[in-house]
Protein backbone atom coordinates (compact mmCIF):
# COMPACT_ATOMS: atom_id res chain seq x y z
CA MET A 1 -32.20 21.11 38.39
CA GLN A 2 -28.58 19.33 39.40
CA LEU A 3 -27.13 16.69 37.78
CA LEU A 4 -25.09 13.62 39.53
CA ASN A 5 -22.89 11.37 37.74
CA ILE A 6 -22.59 7.94 39.47
CA PRO A 7 -19.63 5.46 38.30
CA ALA A 8 -21.04 2.16 37.51
CA LEU A 9 -19.67 -1.31 35.79
CA LYS A 10 -16.28 -1.14 34.56
CA ASP A 11 -16.78 2.44 32.66
CA ASN A 12 -20.14 3.34 32.50
CA TYR A 13 -21.54 6.59 33.92
CA ILE A 14 -25.17 6.75 35.11
CA TRP A 15 -26.86 10.14 35.36
CA ILE A 16 -29.44 11.48 37.34
CA LEU A 17 -31.14 14.57 37.33
CA VAL A 18 -32.06 15.93 40.08
CA LEU A 19 -35.18 18.10 40.16
CA PRO A 20 -37.33 20.22 42.94
CA HIS A 21 -39.00 18.52 45.90
CA ARG A 22 -36.31 15.41 45.64
CA ARG A 23 -37.52 13.68 42.49
CA ALA A 24 -35.17 12.35 39.85
CA ILE A 25 -34.79 11.44 36.29
CA LEU A 26 -32.42 8.85 35.33
CA ILE A 27 -30.30 8.22 32.12
CA ASP A 28 -28.87 5.15 30.96
CA PRO A 29 -28.85 2.77 34.54
CA GLY A 30 -27.09 -0.11 33.36
CA ASP A 31 -26.62 -1.29 36.94
CA ALA A 32 -29.35 -0.78 39.70
CA LEU A 33 -27.53 -1.13 42.64
CA PRO A 34 -25.29 2.13 42.21
CA VAL A 35 -28.16 3.97 41.31
CA LEU A 36 -30.54 2.87 44.43
CA GLN A 37 -27.57 3.55 46.74
CA CYS A 38 -27.59 6.80 45.24
CA LEU A 39 -31.09 7.86 45.42
CA GLN A 40 -31.09 6.54 48.91
CA THR A 41 -28.46 8.56 49.54
CA TYR A 42 -29.80 11.82 48.64
CA ARG A 43 -33.33 10.85 49.44
CA LEU A 44 -34.69 10.77 46.04
CA THR A 45 -37.46 9.51 44.30
CA PRO A 46 -37.05 8.65 40.78
CA MET A 47 -40.01 9.49 38.45
CA ALA A 48 -38.25 8.65 34.77
CA THR A 49 -36.04 6.66 33.04
CA LEU A 50 -34.54 7.88 29.68
CA LEU A 51 -32.86 5.20 27.63
CA THR A 52 -30.32 6.32 24.40
CA HIS A 53 -30.34 2.39 22.99
CA HIS A 54 -30.68 -1.27 23.80
CA HIS A 55 -27.21 -2.11 24.93
CA ALA A 56 -27.35 -3.94 28.16
CA ASP A 57 -24.76 -2.11 29.79
CA HIS A 58 -27.76 0.88 29.47
CA THR A 59 -30.54 -0.61 30.29
CA ASP A 60 -29.89 -3.94 32.52
CA GLY A 61 -30.79 -2.04 35.58
CA VAL A 62 -34.49 -0.68 34.57
CA ARG A 63 -36.21 -3.93 35.81
CA ALA A 64 -34.72 -3.65 39.34
CA LEU A 65 -35.60 0.04 39.50
CA LYS A 66 -38.85 -0.61 38.29
CA ALA A 67 -39.73 -3.44 40.66
CA THR A 68 -38.33 -1.07 43.46
CA TYR A 69 -40.53 1.99 42.19
CA PRO A 70 -43.82 0.33 40.10
CA SER A 71 -44.44 3.79 39.23
CA LEU A 72 -41.46 4.86 37.35
CA ALA A 73 -42.01 5.91 33.81
CA ILE A 74 -39.55 4.22 31.06
CA TYR A 75 -38.91 6.19 27.77
CA GLY A 76 -36.71 4.70 25.00
CA PRO A 77 -36.65 4.24 21.77
CA PRO A 78 -38.07 1.17 19.72
CA GLU A 79 -35.25 -0.87 20.40
CA THR A 80 -35.03 -0.64 24.05
CA CYS A 81 -38.78 -1.96 24.27
CA ARG A 82 -37.59 -5.34 25.79
CA SER A 83 -36.18 -3.71 28.73
CA GLY A 84 -39.41 -2.57 30.09
CA VAL A 85 -40.03 0.48 28.27
CA THR A 86 -43.42 2.06 29.22
CA HIS A 87 -43.50 5.23 26.62
CA PRO A 88 -41.61 4.22 23.64
CA ILE A 89 -40.25 7.42 21.90
CA HIS A 90 -38.74 8.86 18.54
CA GLY A 91 -36.96 11.15 17.32
CA PRO A 92 -37.03 13.88 16.33
CA SER A 93 -39.73 14.66 18.79
CA THR A 94 -40.01 16.80 22.18
CA LEU A 95 -41.21 15.68 25.72
CA THR A 96 -41.92 17.12 28.58
CA VAL A 97 -40.98 14.98 31.26
CA CYS A 98 -41.69 15.66 35.05
CA GLY A 99 -42.46 19.29 33.94
CA VAL A 100 -38.95 19.46 32.06
CA THR A 101 -38.91 19.68 28.21
CA VAL A 102 -36.62 17.16 26.38
CA GLN A 103 -35.65 17.32 22.72
CA VAL A 104 -35.46 13.59 21.41
CA LEU A 105 -32.57 13.86 18.74
CA ALA A 106 -32.53 10.54 16.46
CA VAL A 107 -28.35 9.61 16.14
CA PRO A 108 -27.96 6.59 14.67
CA GLY A 109 -24.43 4.58 13.84
CA HIS A 110 -23.54 2.94 16.94
CA THR A 111 -27.37 1.66 17.13
CA LEU A 112 -29.77 1.91 14.53
CA GLY A 113 -32.75 3.37 16.56
CA HIS A 114 -29.98 5.16 19.00
CA VAL A 115 -31.43 8.53 20.26
CA ALA A 116 -29.77 11.34 22.80
CA TYR A 117 -31.63 13.82 24.77
CA TYR A 118 -30.84 17.52 24.93
CA LEU A 119 -32.21 19.75 28.05
CA SER A 120 -32.04 23.56 27.85
CA GLN A 121 -35.11 24.18 30.08
CA GLY A 122 -34.15 24.15 33.98
CA ALA A 123 -30.39 23.74 33.22
CA PRO A 124 -28.68 25.81 35.70
CA HIS A 125 -26.23 27.45 33.31
CA ASN A 126 -25.72 25.37 30.01
CA PRO A 127 -27.65 22.93 28.46
CA TRP A 128 -27.03 19.34 28.67
CA LEU A 129 -26.69 16.56 26.18
CA PHE A 130 -27.09 12.77 27.12
CA CYS A 131 -25.70 11.48 24.50
CA GLY A 132 -25.26 7.58 25.35
CA ASP A 133 -22.38 6.48 23.15
CA THR A 134 -22.64 8.60 19.92
CA LEU A 135 -20.00 11.16 21.28
CA PHE A 136 -17.59 10.64 23.07
CA SER A 137 -14.94 13.41 25.11
CA ALA A 138 -12.19 12.93 22.43
CA GLY A 139 -14.04 10.40 20.22
CA CYS A 140 -17.22 8.90 19.20
CA GLY A 141 -18.80 5.10 19.32
CA ARG A 142 -18.50 2.50 17.32
CA LEU A 143 -20.66 1.09 14.63
CA PHE A 144 -21.87 -1.76 15.88
CA GLU A 145 -25.44 -1.44 13.38
CA GLY A 146 -25.17 1.77 11.35
CA SER A 147 -23.05 3.10 9.11
CA ALA A 148 -19.86 5.36 9.05
CA GLN A 149 -22.21 7.93 6.82
CA GLN A 150 -24.90 7.53 9.30
CA LEU A 151 -22.79 8.21 12.59
CA PHE A 152 -20.78 11.12 10.80
CA GLN A 153 -24.15 12.71 9.82
CA SER A 154 -25.63 11.87 13.89
CA LEU A 155 -22.36 14.05 15.10
CA GLN A 156 -22.97 16.59 12.37
CA GLN A 157 -26.28 17.25 14.28
CA LEU A 158 -24.76 17.15 17.90
CA VAL A 159 -22.08 19.29 16.56
CA ALA A 160 -24.43 22.11 15.59
CA LEU A 161 -26.41 22.32 19.32
CA PRO A 162 -25.12 25.84 20.95
CA ALA A 163 -21.06 25.78 22.23
CA ASN A 164 -21.88 25.72 25.75
CA THR A 165 -23.75 22.28 25.79
CA GLN A 166 -22.40 20.04 28.21
CA LEU A 167 -21.77 16.39 26.80
CA CYS A 168 -23.20 14.29 29.29
CA CYS A 169 -21.69 10.80 27.76
CA ALA A 170 -22.50 7.17 28.95
CA HIS A 171 -18.12 5.95 29.36
CA GLU A 172 -15.11 7.34 31.01
CA TYR A 173 -13.25 6.83 27.87
CA THR A 174 -11.25 10.47 27.77
CA LEU A 175 -7.46 9.42 28.36
CA GLU A 176 -7.69 6.11 26.03
CA ASN A 177 -9.38 8.51 23.25
CA LEU A 178 -6.49 10.93 23.66
CA ARG A 179 -4.10 8.76 23.43
CA PHE A 180 -5.51 8.08 19.73
CA ALA A 181 -6.09 12.05 19.31
CA ARG A 182 -2.58 12.85 19.92
CA VAL A 183 -1.72 10.61 16.95
CA VAL A 184 -3.72 11.18 14.42
CA ASP A 185 -4.52 15.15 15.02
CA GLU A 186 -0.67 15.76 15.85
CA SER A 187 -0.44 19.36 15.08
CA ASN A 188 -3.19 20.33 17.42
CA PRO A 189 -2.16 22.63 19.98
CA PHE A 190 -5.19 22.20 22.26
CA LEU A 191 -4.77 18.41 22.82
CA PRO A 192 -1.43 18.47 25.15
CA PRO A 193 -2.43 20.52 27.66
CA TYR A 194 -6.05 19.08 27.51
CA GLN A 195 -4.49 15.75 27.91
CA GLN A 196 -2.38 16.82 30.96
CA LYS A 197 -5.71 18.80 32.54
CA ILE A 198 -7.73 15.28 32.10
CA ALA A 199 -5.12 13.03 33.39
CA SER A 200 -4.66 15.05 36.36
CA LEU A 201 -8.56 14.89 37.23
CA ARG A 202 -8.52 11.05 36.32
CA ALA A 203 -5.48 10.73 39.03
CA GLN A 204 -7.65 12.10 41.92
CA GLY A 205 -10.32 9.90 40.83
CA LEU A 206 -12.55 12.49 39.40
CA PRO A 207 -15.08 12.15 36.27
CA SER A 208 -13.54 14.10 33.24
CA LEU A 209 -17.15 14.49 32.44
CA PRO A 210 -19.20 16.63 31.74
CA THR A 211 -17.11 18.15 29.04
CA SER A 212 -18.57 21.28 26.26
CA LEU A 213 -19.03 21.15 23.07
CA HIS A 214 -16.77 24.15 22.57
CA THR A 215 -13.88 22.06 23.82
CA GLN A 216 -14.95 19.07 21.56
CA ARG A 217 -14.81 21.20 18.47
CA LEU A 218 -11.39 21.72 19.36
CA ILE A 219 -10.00 18.34 20.45
CA ASN A 220 -11.80 15.54 19.06
CA PRO A 221 -10.81 14.86 15.52
CA PHE A 222 -14.08 13.02 14.83
CA LEU A 223 -15.76 16.63 15.05
CA ARG A 224 -12.27 18.15 13.06
CA CYS A 225 -12.95 15.62 9.80
CA HIS A 226 -12.98 19.19 7.62
CA HIS A 227 -9.89 20.58 9.16
CA PRO A 228 -6.98 20.17 6.16
CA ALA A 229 -4.27 19.16 8.98
CA LEU A 230 -6.33 15.96 9.64
CA GLN A 231 -7.33 15.48 6.25
CA GLN A 232 -3.59 15.07 5.17
CA ARG A 233 -2.48 13.02 8.14
CA LEU A 234 -4.97 10.41 7.12
CA GLY A 235 -3.57 10.52 3.39
CA PHE A 236 -6.62 12.73 2.05
CA THR A 237 -4.24 15.26 -0.04
CA GLN A 238 -6.20 15.93 -3.40
CA PRO A 239 -9.42 18.19 -3.18
CA PRO A 240 -12.44 18.10 -3.16
CA VAL A 241 -12.05 15.89 0.22
CA SER A 242 -15.01 14.61 1.70
CA PRO A 243 -15.56 15.04 5.38
CA SER A 244 -17.52 11.87 5.77
CA ALA A 245 -14.83 9.76 3.95
CA VAL A 246 -12.34 11.11 6.28
CA PHE A 247 -14.68 10.13 9.20
CA ALA A 248 -14.87 6.60 8.12
CA GLU A 249 -11.27 5.90 7.59
CA LEU A 250 -10.51 8.01 11.29
CA ARG A 251 -13.30 5.48 12.80
CA ARG A 252 -11.80 2.35 10.85
CA TRP A 253 -8.37 3.64 12.38
CA LYS A 254 -9.86 3.81 15.63
CA ASP A 255 -11.11 0.54 15.50
CA GLN A 256 -7.53 -1.00 15.26
CA PHE A 257 -5.36 1.70 17.76
């Protein structure tokens, strides 16, 4: 399998898994036009679409794609059913899509029914995680429906995946998130060189994604709530400190940043 990354809308990424025989699986097609153009350029036939949650910038392209490809199978959690889902799914569960095994993970927080898709079978070198708006490079999603505790637990589930997992997030937020990370995790030695690397990529018009879970463990403050330096920076000085409470405060700070 190969992986394509399509910029869409303001800062979204739509992901396309390219399978043998020019078949494709689409992930979160929020806009049909760039997807249709990509499919034509690479002469691909989409067989299935995976939706992570119900927000329009992840689902609005589904109906146009279905109109163009009537046999397209649409997988998504119940909250996406109004978007034309043909195969409602729940996490945790396992799917077989076009012969590919896909693990469905329940990751509520950003929305209550948000799911992520983890693929290790057939990935050329490292597993892929399509995590929608739950986990970003150097950041995490806003709390639109769920609680801080729910999102914290969802991130703990994702951070427990293998370190070589490639995070395929749905937005190009990395530089913005790194500005915040440099403020709240100011003593982290991994942040300055990583910020420089990402700034160079973006200056060339290149994406910052995918990124490895190993890298995110080093630079993402939302995955480092157990680190004493970060806890102290947020005012948690008296043990015992609850990492979930640190996360909630960190999320509140980011909302106002």
